Amino acid sequence: IAFGEALQLTNILRDSSADAQVGRTYLPATVDRVDVFALAEEDLSRARRYTSVLAKNWASRGTIAFHALPVRLARATLDQLKREGPGAKIPREAVHAEVSAMNGDLDRGGDGLG
């Protein structure tokens, strides 16, 4: 549950300005963005632990990568949002770098989270 929530909260935080412009809000006005970031971070930590457990228990490379890549991209997105605010997206080059880093870590027997 936390894994999915981390990804959803990341998307909500990223798209909040664009959503508000068309009248969509997914967070109550009484909720502070700092608290949403904190929950997303906590959930992302759980997602990382889950992915590591998969790797330690001999899940296939494809299964590990399937879990590791969204964790890596959500982490990069949250970092970008902290620097630039709502609407910030990680550039394609950063996505490519995350995929390459994940594959390198998997090649070395890691969990893809490096």
PDB file of N, CA and C in Angstrom:
ATOM      1  N   ILE A   1       0.835  -1.192   0.000  1.00  0.00           N
ATOM      2  CA  ILE A   1       0.000   0.000   0.000  1.00  0.00           C
ATOM      3  C   ILE A   1       0.874   1.248   0.000  1.00  0.00           C
ATOM      4  N   ALA A   2       1.908   1.244   0.839  1.00  0.00           N
ATOM      5  CA  ALA A   2       2.792   2.415   0.932  1.00  0.00           C
ATOM      6  C   ALA A   2       3.504   2.668  -0.396  1.00  0.00           C
ATOM      7  N   PHE A   3       3.869   1.608  -1.102  1.00  0.00           N
ATOM      8  CA  PHE A   3       4.557   1.757  -2.378  1.00  0.00           C
ATOM      9  C   PHE A   3       3.679   2.554  -3.346  1.00  0.00           C
ATOM     10  N   GLY A   4       2.452   2.121  -3.519  1.00  0.00           N
ATOM     11  CA  GLY A   4       1.529   2.821  -4.412  1.00  0.00           C
ATOM     12  C   GLY A   4       1.231   4.229  -3.946  1.00  0.00           C
ATOM     13  N   GLU A   5       1.086   4.397  -2.631  1.00  0.00           N
ATOM     14  CA  GLU A   5       0.814   5.722  -2.086  1.00  0.00           C
ATOM     15  C   GLU A   5       1.989   6.675  -2.358  1.00  0.00           C
ATOM     16  N   ALA A   6       3.214   6.175  -2.240  1.00  0.00           N
ATOM     17  CA  ALA A   6       4.392   7.013  -2.513  1.00  0.00           C
ATOM     18  C   ALA A   6       4.357   7.532  -3.941  1.00  0.00           C
ATOM     19  N   LEU A   7       4.058   6.650  -4.878  1.00  0.00           N
ATOM     20  CA  LEU A   7       4.016   7.053  -6.282  1.00  0.00           C
ATOM     21  C   LEU A   7       2.874   8.022  -6.545  1.00  0.00           C
ATOM     22  N   GLN A   8       1.718   7.758  -5.960  1.00  0.00           N
ATOM     23  CA  GLN A   8       0.567   8.639  -6.164  1.00  0.00           C
ATOM     24  C   GLN A   8       0.795  10.016  -5.545  1.00  0.00           C
ATOM     25  N   LEU A   9       1.333  10.052  -4.341  1.00  0.00           N
ATOM     26  CA  LEU A   9       1.602  11.343  -3.705  1.00  0.00           C
ATOM     27  C   LEU A   9       2.633  12.144  -4.493  1.00  0.00           C
ATOM     28  N   THR A  10       3.622  11.457  -5.042  1.00  0.00           N
ATOM     29  CA  THR A  10       4.614  12.139  -5.876  1.00  0.00           C
ATOM     30  C   THR A  10       3.927  12.790  -7.072  1.00  0.00           C
ATOM     31  N   ASN A  11       3.042  12.051  -7.729  1.00  0.00           N
ATOM     32  CA  ASN A  11       2.312  12.599  -8.876  1.00  0.00           C
ATOM     33  C   ASN A  11       1.410  13.757  -8.471  1.00  0.00           C
ATOM     34  N   ILE A  12       0.743  13.632  -7.346  1.00  0.00           N
ATOM     35  CA  ILE A  12      -0.135  14.707  -6.870  1.00  0.00           C
ATOM     36  C   ILE A  12       0.678  15.971  -6.599  1.00  0.00           C
ATOM     37  N   LEU A  13       1.810  15.818  -5.921  1.00  0.00           N
ATOM     38  CA  LEU A  13       2.662  16.972  -5.633  1.00  0.00           C
ATOM     39  C   LEU A  13       3.190  17.606  -6.917  1.00  0.00           C
ATOM     40  N   ARG A  14       3.609  16.773  -7.842  1.00  0.00           N
ATOM     41  CA  ARG A  14       4.159  17.286  -9.105  1.00  0.00           C
ATOM     42  C   ARG A  14       3.106  18.046  -9.914  1.00  0.00           C
ATOM     43  N   ASP A  15       1.901  17.498  -9.979  1.00  0.00           N
ATOM     44  CA  ASP A  15       0.864  18.057 -10.853  1.00  0.00           C
ATOM     45  C   ASP A  15      -0.069  19.038 -10.159  1.00  0.00           C
ATOM     46  N   SER A  16       0.175  19.369  -8.913  1.00  0.00           N
ATOM     47  CA  SER A  16      -0.785  20.161  -8.134  1.00  0.00           C
ATOM     48  C   SER A  16      -1.100  21.518  -8.755  1.00  0.00           C
ATOM     49  N   SER A  17      -0.126  22.210  -9.300  1.00  0.00           N
ATOM     50  CA  SER A  17      -0.397  23.521  -9.908  1.00  0.00           C
ATOM     51  C   SER A  17      -1.251  23.390 -11.155  1.00  0.00           C
ATOM     52  N   ALA A  18      -0.881  22.474 -12.048  1.00  0.00           N
ATOM     53  CA  ALA A  18      -1.655  22.270 -13.277  1.00  0.00           C
ATOM     54  C   ALA A  18      -3.064  21.797 -12.950  1.00  0.00           C
ATOM     55  N   ASP A  19      -3.184  20.916 -11.978  1.00  0.00           N
ATOM     56  CA  ASP A  19      -4.510  20.428 -11.580  1.00  0.00           C
ATOM     57  C   ASP A  19      -5.368  21.572 -11.043  1.00  0.00           C
ATOM     58  N   ALA A  20      -4.780  22.416 -10.219  1.00  0.00           N
ATOM     59  CA  ALA A  20      -5.527  23.533  -9.629  1.00  0.00           C
ATOM     60  C   ALA A  20      -6.036  24.490 -10.706  1.00  0.00           C
ATOM     61  N   GLN A  21      -5.269  24.673 -11.761  1.00  0.00           N
ATOM     62  CA  GLN A  21      -5.675  25.572 -12.842  1.00  0.00           C
ATOM     63  C   GLN A  21      -6.948  25.105 -13.546  1.00  0.00           C
ATOM     64  N   VAL A  22      -7.204  23.809 -13.516  1.00  0.00           N
ATOM     65  CA  VAL A  22      -8.419  23.283 -14.154  1.00  0.00           C
ATOM     66  C   VAL A  22      -9.455  22.837 -13.118  1.00  0.00           C
ATOM     67  N   GLY A  23      -9.255  23.281 -11.883  1.00  0.00           N
ATOM     68  CA  GLY A  23     -10.250  23.044 -10.843  1.00  0.00           C
ATOM     69  C   GLY A  23     -10.173  21.703 -10.141  1.00  0.00           C
ATOM     70  N   ARG A  24      -9.056  20.998 -10.291  1.00  0.00           N
ATOM     71  CA  ARG A  24      -8.907  19.711  -9.595  1.00  0.00           C
ATOM     72  C   ARG A  24      -7.979  19.885  -8.408  1.00  0.00           C
ATOM     73  N   THR A  25      -8.393  19.380  -7.273  1.00  0.00           N
ATOM     74  CA  THR A  25      -7.523  19.336  -6.102  1.00  0.00           C
ATOM     75  C   THR A  25      -7.635  17.964  -5.466  1.00  0.00           C
ATOM     76  N   TYR A  26      -6.508  17.404  -5.156  1.00  0.00           N
ATOM     77  CA  TYR A  26      -6.487  16.061  -4.580  1.00  0.00           C
ATOM     78  C   TYR A  26      -6.061  16.066  -3.119  1.00  0.00           C
ATOM     79  N   LEU A  27      -5.757  17.252  -2.618  1.00  0.00           N
ATOM     80  CA  LEU A  27      -5.390  17.391  -1.216  1.00  0.00           C
ATOM     81  C   LEU A  27      -6.281  18.450  -0.589  1.00  0.00           C
ATOM     82  N   PRO A  28      -6.775  18.186   0.612  1.00  0.00           N
ATOM     83  CA  PRO A  28      -7.574  19.203   1.296  1.00  0.00           C
ATOM     84  C   PRO A  28      -6.748  20.472   1.540  1.00  0.00           C
ATOM     85  N   ALA A  29      -7.397  21.600   1.502  1.00  0.00           N
ATOM     86  CA  ALA A  29      -6.718  22.885   1.718  1.00  0.00           C
ATOM     87  C   ALA A  29      -6.058  22.951   3.091  1.00  0.00           C
ATOM     88  N   THR A  30      -6.552  22.171   4.033  1.00  0.00           N
ATOM     89  CA  THR A  30      -6.012  22.191   5.394  1.00  0.00           C
ATOM     90  C   THR A  30      -4.739  21.358   5.536  1.00  0.00           C
ATOM     91  N   VAL A  31      -4.363  20.636   4.487  1.00  0.00           N
ATOM     92  CA  VAL A  31      -3.168  19.797   4.552  1.00  0.00           C
ATOM     93  C   VAL A  31      -1.972  20.588   4.046  1.00  0.00           C
ATOM     94  N   ASP A  32      -0.933  20.634   4.846  1.00  0.00           N
ATOM     95  CA  ASP A  32       0.296  21.349   4.490  1.00  0.00           C
ATOM     96  C   ASP A  32       1.121  20.478   3.535  1.00  0.00           C
ATOM     97  N   ARG A  33       1.643  21.096   2.464  1.00  0.00           N
ATOM     98  CA  ARG A  33       2.477  20.366   1.491  1.00  0.00           C
ATOM     99  C   ARG A  33       3.677  19.711   2.161  1.00  0.00           C
ATOM    100  N   VAL A  34       4.200  20.348   3.195  1.00  0.00           N
ATOM    101  CA  VAL A  34       5.341  19.771   3.916  1.00  0.00           C
ATOM    102  C   VAL A  34       4.964  18.407   4.480  1.00  0.00           C
ATOM    103  N   ASP A  35       3.749  18.286   4.997  1.00  0.00           N
ATOM    104  CA  ASP A  35       3.286  17.012   5.535  1.00  0.00           C
ATOM    105  C   ASP A  35       3.109  15.967   4.434  1.00  0.00           C
ATOM    106  N   VAL A  36       2.654  16.397   3.271  1.00  0.00           N
ATOM    107  CA  VAL A  36       2.483  15.475   2.149  1.00  0.00           C
ATOM    108  C   VAL A  36       3.854  14.989   1.670  1.00  0.00           C
ATOM    109  N   PHE A  37       4.813  15.910   1.586  1.00  0.00           N
ATOM    110  CA  PHE A  37       6.178  15.510   1.239  1.00  0.00           C
ATOM    111  C   PHE A  37       6.707  14.497   2.249  1.00  0.00           C
ATOM    112  N   ALA A  38       6.489  14.747   3.518  1.00  0.00           N
ATOM    113  CA  ALA A  38       6.978  13.841   4.561  1.00  0.00           C
ATOM    114  C   ALA A  38       6.366  12.455   4.416  1.00  0.00           C
ATOM    115  N   LEU A  39       5.065  12.399   4.145  1.00  0.00           N
ATOM    116  CA  LEU A  39       4.401  11.103   3.960  1.00  0.00           C
ATOM    117  C   LEU A  39       4.930  10.411   2.713  1.00  0.00           C
ATOM    118  N   ALA A  40       5.109  11.156   1.633  1.00  0.00           N
ATOM    119  CA  ALA A  40       5.653  10.570   0.403  1.00  0.00           C
ATOM    120  C   ALA A  40       7.054  10.009   0.660  1.00  0.00           C
ATOM    121  N   GLU A  41       7.877  10.747   1.401  1.00  0.00           N
ATOM    122  CA  GLU A  41       9.231  10.293   1.732  1.00  0.00           C
ATOM    123  C   GLU A  41       9.194   9.014   2.572  1.00  0.00           C
ATOM    124  N   GLU A  42       8.319   9.001   3.572  1.00  0.00           N
ATOM    125  CA  GLU A  42       8.193   7.818   4.429  1.00  0.00           C
ATOM    126  C   GLU A  42       7.740   6.612   3.611  1.00  0.00           C
ATOM    127  N   ASP A  43       6.744   6.810   2.775  1.00  0.00           N
ATOM    128  CA  ASP A  43       6.255   5.719   1.926  1.00  0.00           C
ATOM    129  C   ASP A  43       7.321   5.248   0.952  1.00  0.00           C
ATOM    130  N   LEU A  44       8.097   6.181   0.429  1.00  0.00           N
ATOM    131  CA  LEU A  44       9.160   5.819  -0.501  1.00  0.00           C
ATOM    132  C   LEU A  44      10.241   4.998   0.201  1.00  0.00           C
ATOM    133  N   SER A  45      10.503   5.293   1.455  1.00  0.00           N
ATOM    134  CA  SER A  45      11.446   4.480   2.236  1.00  0.00           C
ATOM    135  C   SER A  45      10.932   3.050   2.371  1.00  0.00           C
ATOM    136  N   ARG A  46       9.650   2.915   2.597  1.00  0.00           N
ATOM    137  CA  ARG A  46       9.058   1.574   2.682  1.00  0.00           C
ATOM    138  C   ARG A  46       9.166   0.853   1.338  1.00  0.00           C
ATOM    139  N   ALA A  47       8.935   1.582   0.258  1.00  0.00           N
ATOM    140  CA  ALA A  47       9.042   0.989  -1.078  1.00  0.00           C
ATOM    141  C   ALA A  47      10.472   0.525  -1.342  1.00  0.00           C
ATOM    142  N   ARG A  48      11.447   1.310  -0.893  1.00  0.00           N
ATOM    143  CA  ARG A  48      12.858   0.914  -1.036  1.00  0.00           C
ATOM    144  C   ARG A  48      13.135  -0.367  -0.249  1.00  0.00           C
ATOM    145  N   ARG A  49      12.646  -0.425   0.971  1.00  0.00           N
ATOM    146  CA  ARG A  49      12.865  -1.631   1.787  1.00  0.00           C
ATOM    147  C   ARG A  49      12.215  -2.851   1.131  1.00  0.00           C
ATOM    148  N   TYR A  50      11.017  -2.684   0.606  1.00  0.00           N
ATOM    149  CA  TYR A  50      10.314  -3.778  -0.063  1.00  0.00           C
ATOM    150  C   TYR A  50      11.130  -4.273  -1.255  1.00  0.00           C
ATOM    151  N   THR A  51      11.636  -3.338  -2.054  1.00  0.00           N
ATOM    152  CA  THR A  51      12.426  -3.704  -3.219  1.00  0.00           C
ATOM    153  C   THR A  51      13.698  -4.429  -2.798  1.00  0.00           C
ATOM    154  N   SER A  52      14.328  -3.978  -1.738  1.00  0.00           N
ATOM    155  CA  SER A  52      15.533  -4.644  -1.227  1.00  0.00           C
ATOM    156  C   SER A  52      15.221  -6.061  -0.749  1.00  0.00           C
ATOM    157  N   VAL A  53      14.088  -6.244  -0.114  1.00  0.00           N
ATOM    158  CA  VAL A  53      13.684  -7.583   0.327  1.00  0.00           C
ATOM    159  C   VAL A  53      13.507  -8.499  -0.877  1.00  0.00           C
ATOM    160  N   LEU A  54      12.909  -7.986  -1.934  1.00  0.00           N
ATOM    161  CA  LEU A  54      12.765  -8.794  -3.150  1.00  0.00           C
ATOM    162  C   LEU A  54      14.131  -9.259  -3.646  1.00  0.00           C
ATOM    163  N   ALA A  55      15.076  -8.326  -3.696  1.00  0.00           N
ATOM    164  CA  ALA A  55      16.415  -8.656  -4.198  1.00  0.00           C
ATOM    165  C   ALA A  55      17.109  -9.674  -3.295  1.00  0.00           C
ATOM    166  N   LYS A  56      16.963  -9.517  -1.994  1.00  0.00           N
ATOM    167  CA  LYS A  56      17.623 -10.422  -1.048  1.00  0.00           C
ATOM    168  C   LYS A  56      17.008 -11.813  -1.057  1.00  0.00           C
ATOM    169  N   ASN A  57      15.803 -11.922  -1.573  1.00  0.00           N
ATOM    170  CA  ASN A  57      15.110 -13.211  -1.581  1.00  0.00           C
ATOM    171  C   ASN A  57      14.980 -13.782  -2.979  1.00  0.00           C
ATOM    172  N   TRP A  58      15.936 -13.407  -3.820  1.00  0.00           N
ATOM    173  CA  TRP A  58      16.132 -14.027  -5.125  1.00  0.00           C
ATOM    174  C   TRP A  58      14.988 -13.818  -6.116  1.00  0.00           C
ATOM    175  N   ALA A  59      14.342 -12.679  -6.043  1.00  0.00           N
ATOM    176  CA  ALA A  59      13.363 -12.352  -7.083  1.00  0.00           C
ATOM    177  C   ALA A  59      14.120 -12.202  -8.397  1.00  0.00           C
ATOM    178  N   SER A  60      13.421 -12.367  -9.497  1.00  0.00           N
ATOM    179  CA  SER A  60      14.072 -12.250 -10.798  1.00  0.00           C
ATOM    180  C   SER A  60      14.540 -10.809 -11.029  1.00  0.00           C
ATOM    181  N   ARG A  61      15.508 -10.655 -11.893  1.00  0.00           N
ATOM    182  CA  ARG A  61      16.013  -9.328 -12.235  1.00  0.00           C
ATOM    183  C   ARG A  61      14.875  -8.438 -12.741  1.00  0.00           C
ATOM    184  N   GLY A  62      14.011  -8.980 -13.576  1.00  0.00           N
ATOM    185  CA  GLY A  62      12.898  -8.206 -14.115  1.00  0.00           C
ATOM    186  C   GLY A  62      11.953  -7.720 -13.023  1.00  0.00           C
ATOM    187  N   THR A  63      11.681  -8.562 -12.052  1.00  0.00           N
ATOM    188  CA  THR A  63      10.801  -8.175 -10.948  1.00  0.00           C
ATOM    189  C   THR A  63      11.447  -7.074 -10.112  1.00  0.00           C
ATOM    190  N   ILE A  64      12.734  -7.229  -9.854  1.00  0.00           N
ATOM    191  CA  ILE A  64      13.435  -6.208  -9.063  1.00  0.00           C
ATOM    192  C   ILE A  64      13.441  -4.884  -9.822  1.00  0.00           C
ATOM    193  N   ALA A  65      13.770  -4.928 -11.110  1.00  0.00           N
ATOM    194  CA  ALA A  65      13.806  -3.706 -11.918  1.00  0.00           C
ATOM    195  C   ALA A  65      12.430  -3.056 -11.997  1.00  0.00           C
ATOM    196  N   PHE A  66      11.391  -3.874 -12.110  1.00  0.00           N
ATOM    197  CA  PHE A  66      10.016  -3.372 -12.174  1.00  0.00           C
ATOM    198  C   PHE A  66       9.671  -2.543 -10.948  1.00  0.00           C
ATOM    199  N   HIS A  67      10.253  -2.897  -9.812  1.00  0.00           N
ATOM    200  CA  HIS A  67      10.011  -2.170  -8.568  1.00  0.00           C
ATOM    201  C   HIS A  67      11.032  -1.041  -8.352  1.00  0.00           C
ATOM    202  N   ALA A  68      12.275  -1.304  -8.709  1.00  0.00           N
ATOM    203  CA  ALA A  68      13.339  -0.329  -8.436  1.00  0.00           C
ATOM    204  C   ALA A  68      13.201   0.935  -9.279  1.00  0.00           C
ATOM    205  N   LEU A  69      12.839   0.793 -10.545  1.00  0.00           N
ATOM    206  CA  LEU A  69      12.802   1.972 -11.409  1.00  0.00           C
ATOM    207  C   LEU A  69      11.783   3.009 -10.936  1.00  0.00           C
ATOM    208  N   PRO A  70      10.536   2.643 -10.622  1.00  0.00           N
ATOM    209  CA  PRO A  70       9.620   3.678 -10.127  1.00  0.00           C
ATOM    210  C   PRO A  70      10.084   4.317  -8.820  1.00  0.00           C
ATOM    211  N   VAL A  71      10.749   3.550  -7.963  1.00  0.00           N
ATOM    212  CA  VAL A  71      11.281   4.118  -6.721  1.00  0.00           C
ATOM    213  C   VAL A  71      12.343   5.159  -7.055  1.00  0.00           C
ATOM    214  N   ARG A  72      13.248   4.816  -7.957  1.00  0.00           N
ATOM    215  CA  ARG A  72      14.310   5.750  -8.342  1.00  0.00           C
ATOM    216  C   ARG A  72      13.727   7.016  -8.969  1.00  0.00           C
ATOM    217  N   LEU A  73      12.741   6.836  -9.860  1.00  0.00           N
ATOM    218  CA  LEU A  73      12.152   7.995 -10.540  1.00  0.00           C
ATOM    219  C   LEU A  73      11.342   8.858  -9.578  1.00  0.00           C
ATOM    220  N   ALA A  74      10.648   8.239  -8.634  1.00  0.00           N
ATOM    221  CA  ALA A  74       9.902   9.011  -7.635  1.00  0.00           C
ATOM    222  C   ALA A  74      10.868   9.797  -6.753  1.00  0.00           C
ATOM    223  N   ARG A  75      11.979   9.172  -6.366  1.00  0.00           N
ATOM    224  CA  ARG A  75      12.988   9.862  -5.556  1.00  0.00           C
ATOM    225  C   ARG A  75      13.530  11.080  -6.314  1.00  0.00           C
ATOM    226  N   ALA A  76      13.872  10.882  -7.567  1.00  0.00           N
ATOM    227  CA  ALA A  76      14.399  11.981  -8.376  1.00  0.00           C
ATOM    228  C   ALA A  76      13.352  13.080  -8.557  1.00  0.00           C
ATOM    229  N   THR A  77      12.107  12.683  -8.722  1.00  0.00           N
ATOM    230  CA  THR A  77      11.031  13.658  -8.893  1.00  0.00           C
ATOM    231  C   THR A  77      10.819  14.465  -7.615  1.00  0.00           C
ATOM    232  N   LEU A  78      10.795  13.802  -6.469  1.00  0.00           N
ATOM    233  CA  LEU A  78      10.629  14.529  -5.199  1.00  0.00           C
ATOM    234  C   LEU A  78      11.783  15.506  -4.983  1.00  0.00           C
ATOM    235  N   ASP A  79      12.989  15.082  -5.304  1.00  0.00           N
ATOM    236  CA  ASP A  79      14.138  15.980  -5.171  1.00  0.00           C
ATOM    237  C   ASP A  79      13.982  17.198  -6.092  1.00  0.00           C
ATOM    238  N   GLN A  80      13.528  16.965  -7.315  1.00  0.00           N
ATOM    239  CA  GLN A  80      13.319  18.054  -8.269  1.00  0.00           C
ATOM    240  C   GLN A  80      12.221  18.998  -7.774  1.00  0.00           C
ATOM    241  N   LEU A  81      11.153  18.438  -7.238  1.00  0.00           N
ATOM    242  CA  LEU A  81      10.051  19.253  -6.710  1.00  0.00           C
ATOM    243  C   LEU A  81      10.509  20.120  -5.543  1.00  0.00           C
ATOM    244  N   LYS A  82      11.376  19.590  -4.711  1.00  0.00           N
ATOM    245  CA  LYS A  82      11.897  20.376  -3.591  1.00  0.00           C
ATOM    246  C   LYS A  82      12.707  21.567  -4.089  1.00  0.00           C
ATOM    247  N   ARG A  83      13.442  21.356  -5.170  1.00  0.00           N
ATOM    248  CA  ARG A  83      14.272  22.432  -5.711  1.00  0.00           C
ATOM    249  C   ARG A  83      13.454  23.450  -6.508  1.00  0.00           C
ATOM    250  N   GLU A  84      12.495  22.963  -7.304  1.00  0.00           N
ATOM    251  CA  GLU A  84      11.829  23.836  -8.270  1.00  0.00           C
ATOM    252  C   GLU A  84      10.345  24.070  -8.018  1.00  0.00           C
ATOM    253  N   GLY A  85       9.724  23.278  -7.153  1.00  0.00           N
ATOM    254  CA  GLY A  85       8.312  23.460  -6.861  1.00  0.00           C
ATOM    255  C   GLY A  85       7.408  22.676  -7.798  1.00  0.00           C
ATOM    256  N   PRO A  86       6.086  22.828  -7.608  1.00  0.00           N
ATOM    257  CA  PRO A  86       5.106  22.082  -8.393  1.00  0.00           C
ATOM    258  C   PRO A  86       5.319  22.261  -9.890  1.00  0.00           C
ATOM    259  N   GLY A  87       5.090  21.188 -10.611  1.00  0.00           N
ATOM    260  CA  GLY A  87       5.239  21.219 -12.055  1.00  0.00           C
ATOM    261  C   GLY A  87       6.614  20.780 -12.527  1.00  0.00           C
ATOM    262  N   ALA A  88       7.582  20.744 -11.622  1.00  0.00           N
ATOM    263  CA  ALA A  88       8.932  20.332 -11.996  1.00  0.00           C
ATOM    264  C   ALA A  88       8.931  18.857 -12.395  1.00  0.00           C
ATOM    265  N   LYS A  89       9.609  18.589 -13.468  1.00  0.00           N
ATOM    266  CA  LYS A  89       9.733  17.206 -13.928  1.00  0.00           C
ATOM    267  C   LYS A  89      11.202  16.902 -14.165  1.00  0.00           C
ATOM    268  N   ILE A  90      11.550  15.657 -13.964  1.00  0.00           N
ATOM    269  CA  ILE A  90      12.930  15.283 -14.235  1.00  0.00           C
ATOM    270  C   ILE A  90      13.107  15.184 -15.759  1.00  0.00           C
ATOM    271  N   PRO A  91      14.213  15.688 -16.252  1.00  0.00           N
ATOM    272  CA  PRO A  91      14.439  15.651 -17.702  1.00  0.00           C
ATOM    273  C   PRO A  91      14.708  14.230 -18.200  1.00  0.00           C
ATOM    274  N   ARG A  92      14.502  14.037 -19.487  1.00  0.00           N
ATOM    275  CA  ARG A  92      14.724  12.717 -20.099  1.00  0.00           C
ATOM    276  C   ARG A  92      16.127  12.195 -19.825  1.00  0.00           C
ATOM    277  N   GLU A  93      17.090  13.095 -19.839  1.00  0.00           N
ATOM    278  CA  GLU A  93      18.467  12.676 -19.591  1.00  0.00           C
ATOM    279  C   GLU A  93      18.609  12.086 -18.193  1.00  0.00           C
ATOM    280  N   ALA A  94      17.896  12.660 -17.241  1.00  0.00           N
ATOM    281  CA  ALA A  94      17.942  12.146 -15.870  1.00  0.00           C
ATOM    282  C   ALA A  94      17.261  10.780 -15.785  1.00  0.00           C
ATOM    283  N   VAL A  95      16.176  10.608 -16.528  1.00  0.00           N
ATOM    284  CA  VAL A  95      15.501   9.302 -16.570  1.00  0.00           C
ATOM    285  C   VAL A  95      16.471   8.265 -17.129  1.00  0.00           C
ATOM    286  N   HIS A  96      17.134   8.607 -18.220  1.00  0.00           N
ATOM    287  CA  HIS A  96      18.110   7.693 -18.819  1.00  0.00           C
ATOM    288  C   HIS A  96      19.217   7.362 -17.823  1.00  0.00           C
ATOM    289  N   ALA A  97      19.688   8.358 -17.109  1.00  0.00           N
ATOM    290  CA  ALA A  97      20.742   8.132 -16.110  1.00  0.00           C
ATOM    291  C   ALA A  97      20.258   7.212 -15.000  1.00  0.00           C
ATOM    292  N   GLU A  98      19.008   7.376 -14.576  1.00  0.00           N
ATOM    293  CA  GLU A  98      18.449   6.506 -13.526  1.00  0.00           C
ATOM    294  C   GLU A  98      18.341   5.061 -14.012  1.00  0.00           C
ATOM    295  N   VAL A  99      17.903   4.872 -15.254  1.00  0.00           N
ATOM    296  CA  VAL A  99      17.808   3.518 -15.813  1.00  0.00           C
ATOM    297  C   VAL A  99      19.198   2.892 -15.896  1.00  0.00           C
ATOM    298  N   SER A 100      20.157   3.653 -16.377  1.00  0.00           N
ATOM    299  CA  SER A 100      21.533   3.147 -16.485  1.00  0.00           C
ATOM    300  C   SER A 100      22.116   2.800 -15.115  1.00  0.00           C
ATOM    301  N   ALA A 101      21.904   3.684 -14.147  1.00  0.00           N
ATOM    302  CA  ALA A 101      22.408   3.426 -12.797  1.00  0.00           C
ATOM    303  C   ALA A 101      21.744   2.194 -12.193  1.00  0.00           C
ATOM    304  N   MET A 102      20.438   2.054 -12.403  1.00  0.00           N
ATOM    305  CA  MET A 102      19.729   0.881 -11.886  1.00  0.00           C
ATOM    306  C   MET A 102      20.310  -0.386 -12.501  1.00  0.00           C
ATOM    307  N   ASN A 103      20.468  -0.387 -13.829  1.00  0.00           N
ATOM    308  CA  ASN A 103      21.002  -1.572 -14.497  1.00  0.00           C
ATOM    309  C   ASN A 103      22.414  -1.884 -14.044  1.00  0.00           C
ATOM    310  N   GLY A 104      23.227  -0.861 -13.857  1.00  0.00           N
ATOM    311  CA  GLY A 104      24.576  -1.085 -13.354  1.00  0.00           C
ATOM    312  C   GLY A 104      24.565  -1.725 -11.978  1.00  0.00           C
ATOM    313  N   ASP A 105      23.696  -1.235 -11.112  1.00  0.00           N
ATOM    314  CA  ASP A 105      23.590  -1.799  -9.773  1.00  0.00           C
ATOM    315  C   ASP A 105      23.101  -3.246  -9.834  1.00  0.00           C
ATOM    316  N   LEU A 106      22.122  -3.515 -10.685  1.00  0.00           N
ATOM    317  CA  LEU A 106      21.632  -4.885 -10.840  1.00  0.00           C
ATOM    318  C   LEU A 106      22.720  -5.792 -11.401  1.00  0.00           C
ATOM    319  N   ASP A 107      23.512  -5.278 -12.345  1.00  0.00           N
ATOM    320  CA  ASP A 107      24.618  -6.066 -12.904  1.00  0.00           C
ATOM    321  C   ASP A 107      25.627  -6.466 -11.823  1.00  0.00           C
ATOM    322  N   ARG A 108      25.779  -5.608 -10.801  1.00  0.00           N
ATOM    323  CA  ARG A 108      26.709  -5.899  -9.709  1.00  0.00           C
ATOM    324  C   ARG A 108      26.054  -6.712  -8.592  1.00  0.00           C
ATOM    325  N   GLY A 109      24.825  -7.157  -8.816  1.00  0.00           N
ATOM    326  CA  GLY A 109      24.138  -7.974  -7.814  1.00  0.00           C
ATOM    327  C   GLY A 109      23.387  -7.190  -6.770  1.00  0.00           C
ATOM    328  N   GLY A 110      23.225  -5.881  -6.995  1.00  0.00           N
ATOM    329  CA  GLY A 110      22.511  -5.030  -6.045  1.00  0.00           C
ATOM    330  C   GLY A 110      21.010  -5.111  -6.224  1.00  0.00           C
ATOM    331  N   ASP A 111      20.327  -4.227  -5.536  1.00  0.00           N
ATOM    332  CA  ASP A 111      18.862  -4.204  -5.570  1.00  0.00           C
ATOM    333  C   ASP A 111      18.306  -3.213  -6.587  1.00  0.00           C
ATOM    334  N   GLY A 112      19.203  -2.601  -7.370  1.00  0.00           N
ATOM    335  CA  GLY A 112      18.773  -1.650  -8.379  1.00  0.00           C
ATOM    336  C   GLY A 112      18.568  -0.246  -7.850  1.00  0.00           C
ATOM    337  N   LEU A 113      18.701  -0.086  -6.551  1.00  0.00           N
ATOM    338  CA  LEU A 113      18.459   1.219  -5.928  1.00  0.00           C
ATOM    339  C   LEU A 113      19.751   1.973  -5.684  1.00  0.00           C
ATOM    340  N   GLY A 114      20.867   1.242  -5.731  1.00  0.00           N
ATOM    341  CA  GLY A 114      22.205   1.805  -5.606  1.00  0.00           C
ATOM    342  C   GLY A 114      22.356   2.843  -4.624  1.00  0.00           C
TER     343      GLY A 114
END
